[in-house]
Amino acid sequence: MPNDYRNSAGGSFVQGMEGAVATQSSLHAERHYAVAEIAEMWNLSVDKVRELFADEPGVLVIGKRRPFRRRPYLTLRIPQSVVERVHARLSGGERFR
């Protein structure tokens, strides 16, 4: 019998067979953004977004940082929680704590 999982409104995964709920709060289960998506949302250049998120904890970096080529080809995937954390930091939300 295959499991019938579907995403619920609260970000949890709901199993349709027995109604069991398995909440997943780890980074792999949340929405990940491409650099171009954040650049468009924040009205910034792709290069600036790469600079902001390149060394941020929690960001997926796919590729080699030190390739044999001159320019490293890296793909960044940024989780929703990291986007929110950086936005709060940049907007001054953590400045007065």
PDB file of N, CA and C in Angstrom:
ATOM      1  N   MET A   1       0.829  -1.192   0.000  1.00  0.00           N
ATOM      2  CA  MET A   1       0.000   0.000   0.000  1.00  0.00           C
ATOM      3  C   MET A   1       0.873   1.255   0.000  1.00  0.00           C
ATOM      4  N   PRO A   2       0.796   2.111  -0.979  1.00  0.00           N
ATOM      5  CA  PRO A   2       1.620   3.307  -0.994  1.00  0.00           C
ATOM      6  C   PRO A   2       1.113   4.333   0.016  1.00  0.00           C
ATOM      7  N   ASN A   3       2.054   5.095   0.575  1.00  0.00           N
ATOM      8  CA  ASN A   3       1.675   6.173   1.480  1.00  0.00           C
ATOM      9  C   ASN A   3       1.179   7.352   0.673  1.00  0.00           C
ATOM     10  N   ASP A   4       0.121   7.950   1.132  1.00  0.00           N
ATOM     11  CA  ASP A   4      -0.458   9.102   0.455  1.00  0.00           C
ATOM     12  C   ASP A   4      -0.139  10.336   1.290  1.00  0.00           C
ATOM     13  N   TYR A   5       1.042  10.951   1.037  1.00  0.00           N
ATOM     14  CA  TYR A   5       1.434  12.140   1.771  1.00  0.00           C
ATOM     15  C   TYR A   5       1.100  13.369   0.948  1.00  0.00           C
ATOM     16  N   ARG A   6       0.633  14.393   1.615  1.00  0.00           N
ATOM     17  CA  ARG A   6       0.398  15.667   0.946  1.00  0.00           C
ATOM     18  C   ARG A   6       0.729  16.778   1.921  1.00  0.00           C
ATOM     19  N   ASN A   7       1.115  17.901   1.407  1.00  0.00           N
ATOM     20  CA  ASN A   7       1.530  19.026   2.229  1.00  0.00           C
ATOM     21  C   ASN A   7       0.300  19.716   2.793  1.00  0.00           C
ATOM     22  N   SER A   8       0.286  19.944   4.092  1.00  0.00           N
ATOM     23  CA  SER A   8      -0.838  20.643   4.711  1.00  0.00           C
ATOM     24  C   SER A   8      -0.548  22.135   4.760  1.00  0.00           C
ATOM     25  N   ALA A   9      -1.535  22.933   5.124  1.00  0.00           N
ATOM     26  CA  ALA A   9      -1.387  24.383   5.146  1.00  0.00           C
ATOM     27  C   ALA A   9      -0.365  24.838   6.174  1.00  0.00           C
ATOM     28  N   GLY A  10      -0.179  24.098   7.253  1.00  0.00           N
ATOM     29  CA  GLY A  10       0.740  24.501   8.304  1.00  0.00           C
ATOM     30  C   GLY A  10       2.175  24.103   8.062  1.00  0.00           C
ATOM     31  N   GLY A  11       2.493  23.561   6.910  1.00  0.00           N
ATOM     32  CA  GLY A  11       3.847  23.168   6.608  1.00  0.00           C
ATOM     33  C   GLY A  11       4.172  21.761   7.059  1.00  0.00           C
ATOM     34  N   SER A  12       3.200  21.036   7.586  1.00  0.00           N
ATOM     35  CA  SER A  12       3.421  19.663   8.010  1.00  0.00           C
ATOM     36  C   SER A  12       3.066  18.736   6.862  1.00  0.00           C
ATOM     37  N   PHE A  13       3.431  17.488   7.032  1.00  0.00           N
ATOM     38  CA  PHE A  13       3.044  16.487   6.064  1.00  0.00           C
ATOM     39  C   PHE A  13       1.968  15.630   6.697  1.00  0.00           C
ATOM     40  N   VAL A  14       0.862  15.462   6.010  1.00  0.00           N
ATOM     41  CA  VAL A  14      -0.274  14.726   6.525  1.00  0.00           C
ATOM     42  C   VAL A  14      -0.371  13.408   5.781  1.00  0.00           C
ATOM     43  N   GLN A  15      -0.464  12.333   6.524  1.00  0.00           N
ATOM     44  CA  GLN A  15      -0.615  11.033   5.894  1.00  0.00           C
ATOM     45  C   GLN A  15      -2.092  10.763   5.725  1.00  0.00           C
ATOM     46  N   GLY A  16      -2.510  10.530   4.498  1.00  0.00           N
ATOM     47  CA  GLY A  16      -3.922  10.369   4.198  1.00  0.00           C
ATOM     48  C   GLY A  16      -4.522   9.047   4.630  1.00  0.00           C
ATOM     49  N   MET A  17      -3.738   7.985   4.745  1.00  0.00           N
ATOM     50  CA  MET A  17      -4.278   6.669   5.054  1.00  0.00           C
ATOM     51  C   MET A  17      -4.888   6.596   6.443  1.00  0.00           C
ATOM     52  N   GLU A  18      -4.138   7.012   7.464  1.00  0.00           N
ATOM     53  CA  GLU A  18      -4.619   6.879   8.831  1.00  0.00           C
ATOM     54  C   GLU A  18      -4.813   8.223   9.508  1.00  0.00           C
ATOM     55  N   GLY A  19      -4.486   9.290   8.826  1.00  0.00           N
ATOM     56  CA  GLY A  19      -4.641  10.610   9.405  1.00  0.00           C
ATOM     57  C   GLY A  19      -3.500  10.983  10.334  1.00  0.00           C
ATOM     58  N   ALA A  20      -2.422  10.206  10.358  1.00  0.00           N
ATOM     59  CA  ALA A  20      -1.283  10.511  11.216  1.00  0.00           C
ATOM     60  C   ALA A  20      -0.564  11.736  10.671  1.00  0.00           C
ATOM     61  N   VAL A  21      -0.085  12.563  11.566  1.00  0.00           N
ATOM     62  CA  VAL A  21       0.611  13.775  11.170  1.00  0.00           C
ATOM     63  C   VAL A  21       2.063  13.657  11.590  1.00  0.00           C
ATOM     64  N   ALA A  22       2.942  13.870  10.643  1.00  0.00           N
ATOM     65  CA  ALA A  22       4.372  13.872  10.928  1.00  0.00           C
ATOM     66  C   ALA A  22       4.894  15.268  10.650  1.00  0.00           C
ATOM     67  N   THR A  23       5.172  16.027  11.680  1.00  0.00           N
ATOM     68  CA  THR A  23       5.639  17.390  11.504  1.00  0.00           C
ATOM     69  C   THR A  23       7.122  17.378  11.222  1.00  0.00           C
ATOM     70  N   GLN A  24       7.513  18.127  10.201  1.00  0.00           N
ATOM     71  CA  GLN A  24       8.912  18.213   9.845  1.00  0.00           C
ATOM     72  C   GLN A  24       9.318  19.673   9.881  1.00  0.00           C
ATOM     73  N   SER A  25      10.135  20.014  10.871  1.00  0.00           N
ATOM     74  CA  SER A  25      10.546  21.401  11.009  1.00  0.00           C
ATOM     75  C   SER A  25      11.991  21.614  10.589  1.00  0.00           C
ATOM     76  N   SER A  26      12.652  20.591  10.060  1.00  0.00           N
ATOM     77  CA  SER A  26      14.044  20.749   9.681  1.00  0.00           C
ATOM     78  C   SER A  26      14.161  21.501   8.357  1.00  0.00           C
ATOM     79  N   LEU A  27      15.367  21.933   8.076  1.00  0.00           N
ATOM     80  CA  LEU A  27      15.608  22.753   6.887  1.00  0.00           C
ATOM     81  C   LEU A  27      15.259  22.063   5.582  1.00  0.00           C
ATOM     82  N   HIS A  28      15.408  20.753   5.506  1.00  0.00           N
ATOM     83  CA  HIS A  28      15.157  20.086   4.225  1.00  0.00           C
ATOM     84  C   HIS A  28      13.692  20.125   3.820  1.00  0.00           C
ATOM     85  N   ALA A  29      12.786  20.342   4.765  1.00  0.00           N
ATOM     86  CA  ALA A  29      11.361  20.319   4.458  1.00  0.00           C
ATOM     87  C   ALA A  29      10.801  21.688   4.089  1.00  0.00           C
ATOM     88  N   GLU A  30      11.563  22.747   4.324  1.00  0.00           N
ATOM     89  CA  GLU A  30      11.012  24.071   4.047  1.00  0.00           C
ATOM     90  C   GLU A  30      11.354  24.544   2.638  1.00  0.00           C
ATOM     91  N   ARG A  31      10.710  25.572   2.211  1.00  0.00           N
ATOM     92  CA  ARG A  31      10.879  26.158   0.874  1.00  0.00           C
ATOM     93  C   ARG A  31      12.298  26.683   0.727  1.00  0.00           C
ATOM     94  N   HIS A  32      12.947  26.367  -0.376  1.00  0.00           N
ATOM     95  CA  HIS A  32      14.275  26.867  -0.687  1.00  0.00           C
ATOM     96  C   HIS A  32      14.170  27.791  -1.903  1.00  0.00           C
ATOM     97  N   TYR A  33      14.850  28.926  -1.831  1.00  0.00           N
ATOM     98  CA  TYR A  33      14.802  29.918  -2.903  1.00  0.00           C
ATOM     99  C   TYR A  33      16.089  29.905  -3.712  1.00  0.00           C
ATOM    100  N   ALA A  34      15.971  30.187  -4.987  1.00  0.00           N
ATOM    101  CA  ALA A  34      17.132  30.421  -5.841  1.00  0.00           C
ATOM    102  C   ALA A  34      17.565  31.873  -5.649  1.00  0.00           C
ATOM    103  N   VAL A  35      18.807  32.148  -5.963  1.00  0.00           N
ATOM    104  CA  VAL A  35      19.342  33.500  -5.827  1.00  0.00           C
ATOM    105  C   VAL A  35      18.531  34.495  -6.656  1.00  0.00           C
ATOM    106  N   ALA A  36      18.161  34.117  -7.864  1.00  0.00           N
ATOM    107  CA  ALA A  36      17.402  35.009  -8.749  1.00  0.00           C
ATOM    108  C   ALA A  36      16.027  35.347  -8.163  1.00  0.00           C
ATOM    109  N   GLU A  37      15.406  34.395  -7.459  1.00  0.00           N
ATOM    110  CA  GLU A  37      14.097  34.663  -6.842  1.00  0.00           C
ATOM    111  C   GLU A  37      14.209  35.721  -5.752  1.00  0.00           C
ATOM    112  N   ILE A  38      15.226  35.604  -4.915  1.00  0.00           N
ATOM    113  CA  ILE A  38      15.416  36.586  -3.846  1.00  0.00           C
ATOM    114  C   ILE A  38      15.803  37.937  -4.431  1.00  0.00           C
ATOM    115  N   ALA A  39      16.633  37.922  -5.457  1.00  0.00           N
ATOM    116  CA  ALA A  39      17.024  39.175  -6.109  1.00  0.00           C
ATOM    117  C   ALA A  39      15.800  39.914  -6.644  1.00  0.00           C
ATOM    118  N   GLU A  40      14.874  39.173  -7.225  1.00  0.00           N
ATOM    119  CA  GLU A  40      13.652  39.794  -7.743  1.00  0.00           C
ATOM    120  C   GLU A  40      12.759  40.293  -6.608  1.00  0.00           C
ATOM    121  N   MET A  41      12.601  39.490  -5.560  1.00  0.00           N
ATOM    122  CA  MET A  41      11.751  39.885  -4.424  1.00  0.00           C
ATOM    123  C   MET A  41      12.277  41.139  -3.727  1.00  0.00           C
ATOM    124  N   TRP A  42      13.591  41.215  -3.562  1.00  0.00           N
ATOM    125  CA  TRP A  42      14.211  42.308  -2.820  1.00  0.00           C
ATOM    126  C   TRP A  42      14.687  43.443  -3.725  1.00  0.00           C
ATOM    127  N   ASN A  43      14.496  43.300  -5.031  1.00  0.00           N
ATOM    128  CA  ASN A  43      14.917  44.303  -6.011  1.00  0.00           C
ATOM    129  C   ASN A  43      16.416  44.607  -5.890  1.00  0.00           C
ATOM    130  N   LEU A  44      17.207  43.528  -5.855  1.00  0.00           N
ATOM    131  CA  LEU A  44      18.662  43.625  -5.794  1.00  0.00           C
ATOM    132  C   LEU A  44      19.258  42.869  -6.972  1.00  0.00           C
ATOM    133  N   SER A  45      20.541  43.075  -7.194  1.00  0.00           N
ATOM    134  CA  SER A  45      21.218  42.317  -8.238  1.00  0.00           C
ATOM    135  C   SER A  45      21.497  40.902  -7.738  1.00  0.00           C
ATOM    136  N   VAL A  46      21.645  39.994  -8.675  1.00  0.00           N
ATOM    137  CA  VAL A  46      21.970  38.608  -8.349  1.00  0.00           C
ATOM    138  C   VAL A  46      23.316  38.550  -7.625  1.00  0.00           C
ATOM    139  N   ASP A  47      24.273  39.358  -8.063  1.00  0.00           N
ATOM    140  CA  ASP A  47      25.590  39.378  -7.428  1.00  0.00           C
ATOM    141  C   ASP A  47      25.511  39.822  -5.966  1.00  0.00           C
ATOM    142  N   LYS A  48      24.686  40.809  -5.680  1.00  0.00           N
ATOM    143  CA  LYS A  48      24.542  41.287  -4.296  1.00  0.00           C
ATOM    144  C   LYS A  48      23.905  40.212  -3.418  1.00  0.00           C
ATOM    145  N   VAL A  49      22.911  39.508  -3.930  1.00  0.00           N
ATOM    146  CA  VAL A  49      22.262  38.440  -3.165  1.00  0.00           C
ATOM    147  C   VAL A  49      23.255  37.314  -2.912  1.00  0.00           C
ATOM    148  N   ARG A  50      24.043  36.959  -3.918  1.00  0.00           N
ATOM    149  CA  ARG A  50      25.089  35.941  -3.728  1.00  0.00           C
ATOM    150  C   ARG A  50      26.056  36.361  -2.623  1.00  0.00           C
ATOM    151  N   GLU A  51      26.438  37.616  -2.625  1.00  0.00           N
ATOM    152  CA  GLU A  51      27.351  38.146  -1.610  1.00  0.00           C
ATOM    153  C   GLU A  51      26.728  38.061  -0.208  1.00  0.00           C
ATOM    154  N   LEU A  52      25.447  38.379  -0.107  1.00  0.00           N
ATOM    155  CA  LEU A  52      24.762  38.355   1.189  1.00  0.00           C
ATOM    156  C   LEU A  52      24.626  36.946   1.769  1.00  0.00           C
ATOM    157  N   PHE A  53      24.409  35.956   0.893  1.00  0.00           N
ATOM    158  CA  PHE A  53      24.079  34.607   1.373  1.00  0.00           C
ATOM    159  C   PHE A  53      25.199  33.580   1.221  1.00  0.00           C
ATOM    160  N   ALA A  54      26.311  33.915   0.585  1.00  0.00           N
ATOM    161  CA  ALA A  54      27.350  32.927   0.282  1.00  0.00           C
ATOM    162  C   ALA A  54      27.890  32.221   1.518  1.00  0.00           C
ATOM    163  N   ASP A  55      28.109  32.922   2.601  1.00  0.00           N
ATOM    164  CA  ASP A  55      28.691  32.329   3.811  1.00  0.00           C
ATOM    165  C   ASP A  55      27.698  32.221   4.954  1.00  0.00           C
ATOM    166  N   GLU A  56      26.425  32.360   4.648  1.00  0.00           N
ATOM    167  CA  GLU A  56      25.374  32.309   5.677  1.00  0.00           C
ATOM    168  C   GLU A  56      25.123  30.855   6.089  1.00  0.00           C
ATOM    169  N   PRO A  57      25.090  30.564   7.396  1.00  0.00           N
ATOM    170  CA  PRO A  57      24.798  29.193   7.845  1.00  0.00           C
ATOM    171  C   PRO A  57      23.413  28.735   7.394  1.00  0.00           C
ATOM    172  N   GLY A  58      23.332  27.493   6.943  1.00  0.00           N
ATOM    173  CA  GLY A  58      22.062  26.921   6.511  1.00  0.00           C
ATOM    174  C   GLY A  58      21.821  26.960   5.019  1.00  0.00           C
ATOM    175  N   VAL A  59      22.632  27.712   4.274  1.00  0.00           N
ATOM    176  CA  VAL A  59      22.481  27.818   2.819  1.00  0.00           C
ATOM    177  C   VAL A  59      23.114  26.595   2.161  1.00  0.00           C
ATOM    178  N   LEU A  60      22.397  25.991   1.228  1.00  0.00           N
ATOM    179  CA  LEU A  60      22.948  24.873   0.462  1.00  0.00           C
ATOM    180  C   LEU A  60      23.856  25.431  -0.628  1.00  0.00           C
ATOM    181  N   VAL A  61      25.093  24.969  -0.650  1.00  0.00           N
ATOM    182  CA  VAL A  61      26.051  25.373  -1.673  1.00  0.00           C
ATOM    183  C   VAL A  61      26.355  24.133  -2.495  1.00  0.00           C
ATOM    184  N   ILE A  62      25.962  24.162  -3.751  1.00  0.00           N
ATOM    185  CA  ILE A  62      26.143  23.020  -4.644  1.00  0.00           C
ATOM    186  C   ILE A  62      27.222  23.379  -5.653  1.00  0.00           C
ATOM    187  N   GLY A  63      28.251  22.587  -5.700  1.00  0.00           N
ATOM    188  CA  GLY A  63      29.385  22.837  -6.582  1.00  0.00           C
ATOM    189  C   GLY A  63      30.664  22.894  -5.775  1.00  0.00           C
ATOM    190  N   LYS A  64      31.765  23.167  -6.443  1.00  0.00           N
ATOM    191  CA  LYS A  64      33.063  23.224  -5.783  1.00  0.00           C
ATOM    192  C   LYS A  64      33.483  24.670  -5.590  1.00  0.00           C
ATOM    193  N   ARG A  65      33.901  24.991  -4.375  1.00  0.00           N
ATOM    194  CA  ARG A  65      34.356  26.354  -4.090  1.00  0.00           C
ATOM    195  C   ARG A  65      35.704  26.646  -4.751  1.00  0.00           C
ATOM    196  N   ARG A  66      36.529  25.631  -4.908  1.00  0.00           N
ATOM    197  CA  ARG A  66      37.852  25.808  -5.515  1.00  0.00           C
ATOM    198  C   ARG A  66      38.013  24.874  -6.715  1.00  0.00           C
ATOM    199  N   PRO A  67      37.350  25.195  -7.812  1.00  0.00           N
ATOM    200  CA  PRO A  67      37.463  24.328  -8.986  1.00  0.00           C
ATOM    201  C   PRO A  67      38.777  24.581  -9.727  1.00  0.00           C
ATOM    202  N   PHE A  68      39.026  23.782 -10.728  1.00  0.00           N
ATOM    203  CA  PHE A  68      40.225  23.962 -11.544  1.00  0.00           C
ATOM    204  C   PHE A  68      40.074  25.149 -12.485  1.00  0.00           C
ATOM    205  N   ARG A  69      38.843  25.560 -12.723  1.00  0.00           N
ATOM    206  CA  ARG A  69      38.602  26.731 -13.572  1.00  0.00           C
ATOM    207  C   ARG A  69      38.877  27.999 -12.769  1.00  0.00           C
ATOM    208  N   ARG A  70      38.882  29.094 -13.437  1.00  0.00           N
ATOM    209  CA  ARG A  70      39.121  30.370 -12.742  1.00  0.00           C
ATOM    210  C   ARG A  70      37.935  30.786 -11.892  1.00  0.00           C
ATOM    211  N   ARG A  71      36.741  30.621 -12.424  1.00  0.00           N
ATOM    212  CA  ARG A  71      35.535  31.077 -11.720  1.00  0.00           C
ATOM    213  C   ARG A  71      34.810  29.873 -11.140  1.00  0.00           C
ATOM    214  N   PRO A  72      34.530  29.917  -9.824  1.00  0.00           N
ATOM    215  CA  PRO A  72      33.762  28.797  -9.257  1.00  0.00           C
ATOM    216  C   PRO A  72      32.291  28.878  -9.687  1.00  0.00           C
ATOM    217  N   TYR A  73      31.741  27.764 -10.111  1.00  0.00           N
ATOM    218  CA  TYR A  73      30.335  27.718 -10.482  1.00  0.00           C
ATOM    219  C   TYR A  73      29.571  27.096  -9.320  1.00  0.00           C
ATOM    220  N   LEU A  74      28.920  27.936  -8.546  1.00  0.00           N
ATOM    221  CA  LEU A  74      28.197  27.491  -7.371  1.00  0.00           C
ATOM    222  C   LEU A  74      26.716  27.780  -7.531  1.00  0.00           C
ATOM    223  N   THR A  75      25.915  26.844  -7.104  1.00  0.00           N
ATOM    224  CA  THR A  75      24.475  27.039  -7.048  1.00  0.00           C
ATOM    225  C   THR A  75      24.105  27.176  -5.584  1.00  0.00           C
ATOM    226  N   LEU A  76      23.402  28.238  -5.251  1.00  0.00           N
ATOM    227  CA  LEU A  76      22.952  28.444  -3.877  1.00  0.00           C
ATOM    228  C   LEU A  76      21.451  28.197  -3.805  1.00  0.00           C
ATOM    229  N   ARG A  77      21.031  27.508  -2.771  1.00  0.00           N
ATOM    230  CA  ARG A  77      19.613  27.328  -2.462  1.00  0.00           C
ATOM    231  C   ARG A  77      19.430  27.773  -1.022  1.00  0.00           C
ATOM    232  N   ILE A  78      18.566  28.768  -0.832  1.00  0.00           N
ATOM    233  CA  ILE A  78      18.442  29.430   0.454  1.00  0.00           C
ATOM    234  C   ILE A  78      17.103  29.090   1.106  1.00  0.00           C
ATOM    235  N   PRO A  79      17.127  28.439   2.278  1.00  0.00           N
ATOM    236  CA  PRO A  79      15.890  28.095   2.971  1.00  0.00           C
ATOM    237  C   PRO A  79      15.132  29.339   3.447  1.00  0.00           C
ATOM    238  N   GLN A  80      13.831  29.201   3.559  1.00  0.00           N
ATOM    239  CA  GLN A  80      12.950  30.295   3.994  1.00  0.00           C
ATOM    240  C   GLN A  80      13.421  30.895   5.319  1.00  0.00           C
ATOM    241  N   SER A  81      13.809  30.055   6.278  1.00  0.00           N
ATOM    242  CA  SER A  81      14.222  30.556   7.591  1.00  0.00           C
ATOM    243  C   SER A  81      15.488  31.402   7.492  1.00  0.00           C
ATOM    244  N   VAL A  82      16.389  31.059   6.591  1.00  0.00           N
ATOM    245  CA  VAL A  82      17.607  31.848   6.399  1.00  0.00           C
ATOM    246  C   VAL A  82      17.265  33.181   5.746  1.00  0.00           C
ATOM    247  N   VAL A  83      16.364  33.167   4.778  1.00  0.00           N
ATOM    248  CA  VAL A  83      15.915  34.416   4.137  1.00  0.00           C
ATOM    249  C   VAL A  83      15.322  35.350   5.193  1.00  0.00           C
ATOM    250  N   GLU A  84      14.477  34.812   6.062  1.00  0.00           N
ATOM    251  CA  GLU A  84      13.850  35.627   7.114  1.00  0.00           C
ATOM    252  C   GLU A  84      14.883  36.155   8.100  1.00  0.00           C
ATOM    253  N   ARG A  85      15.870  35.326   8.470  1.00  0.00           N
ATOM    254  CA  ARG A  85      16.917  35.742   9.407  1.00  0.00           C
ATOM    255  C   ARG A  85      17.759  36.875   8.833  1.00  0.00           C
ATOM    256  N   VAL A  86      18.166  36.742   7.582  1.00  0.00           N
ATOM    257  CA  VAL A  86      18.982  37.778   6.950  1.00  0.00           C
ATOM    258  C   VAL A  86      18.168  39.055   6.767  1.00  0.00           C
ATOM    259  N   HIS A  87      16.912  38.910   6.381  1.00  0.00           N
ATOM    260  CA  HIS A  87      16.058  40.094   6.218  1.00  0.00           C
ATOM    261  C   HIS A  87      15.911  40.839   7.544  1.00  0.00           C
ATOM    262  N   ALA A  88      15.697  40.107   8.630  1.00  0.00           N
ATOM    263  CA  ALA A  88      15.573  40.736   9.950  1.00  0.00           C
ATOM    264  C   ALA A  88      16.867  41.453  10.327  1.00  0.00           C
ATOM    265  N   ARG A  89      17.992  40.818  10.045  1.00  0.00           N
ATOM    266  CA  ARG A  89      19.285  41.431  10.364  1.00  0.00           C
ATOM    267  C   ARG A  89      19.513  42.702   9.543  1.00  0.00           C
ATOM    268  N   LEU A  90      19.194  42.648   8.249  1.00  0.00           N
ATOM    269  CA  LEU A  90      19.411  43.800   7.375  1.00  0.00           C
ATOM    270  C   LEU A  90      18.448  44.948   7.659  1.00  0.00           C
ATOM    271  N   SER A  91      17.242  44.596   8.085  1.00  0.00           N
ATOM    272  CA  SER A  91      16.237  45.640   8.332  1.00  0.00           C
ATOM    273  C   SER A  91      16.347  46.230   9.737  1.00  0.00           C
ATOM    274  N   GLY A  92      17.308  45.745  10.513  1.00  0.00           N
ATOM    275  CA  GLY A  92      17.497  46.302  11.857  1.00  0.00           C
ATOM    276  C   GLY A  92      16.716  45.591  12.921  1.00  0.00           C
ATOM    277  N   GLY A  93      16.068  44.485  12.584  1.00  0.00           N
ATOM    278  CA  GLY A  93      15.280  43.752  13.555  1.00  0.00           C
ATOM    279  C   GLY A  93      16.095  43.163  14.685  1.00  0.00           C
ATOM    280  N   GLU A  94      17.381  42.871  14.438  1.00  0.00           N
ATOM    281  CA  GLU A  94      18.248  42.306  15.476  1.00  0.00           C
ATOM    282  C   GLU A  94      19.211  43.344  16.024  1.00  0.00           C
ATOM    283  N   ARG A  95      19.147  44.549  15.523  1.00  0.00           N
ATOM    284  CA  ARG A  95      20.105  45.583  15.897  1.00  0.00           C
ATOM    285  C   ARG A  95      20.015  45.965  17.372  1.00  0.00           C
ATOM    286  N   PHE A  96      18.815  45.995  17.925  1.00  0.00           N
ATOM    287  CA  PHE A  96      18.620  46.507  19.278  1.00  0.00           C
ATOM    288  C   PHE A  96      18.496  45.413  20.318  1.00  0.00           C
ATOM    289  N   ARG A  97      18.790  44.184  19.962  1.00  0.00           N
ATOM    290  CA  ARG A  97      18.688  43.099  20.935  1.00  0.00           C
ATOM    291  C   ARG A  97      19.957  42.921  21.693  1.00  0.00           C
TER     292      ARG A  97
END
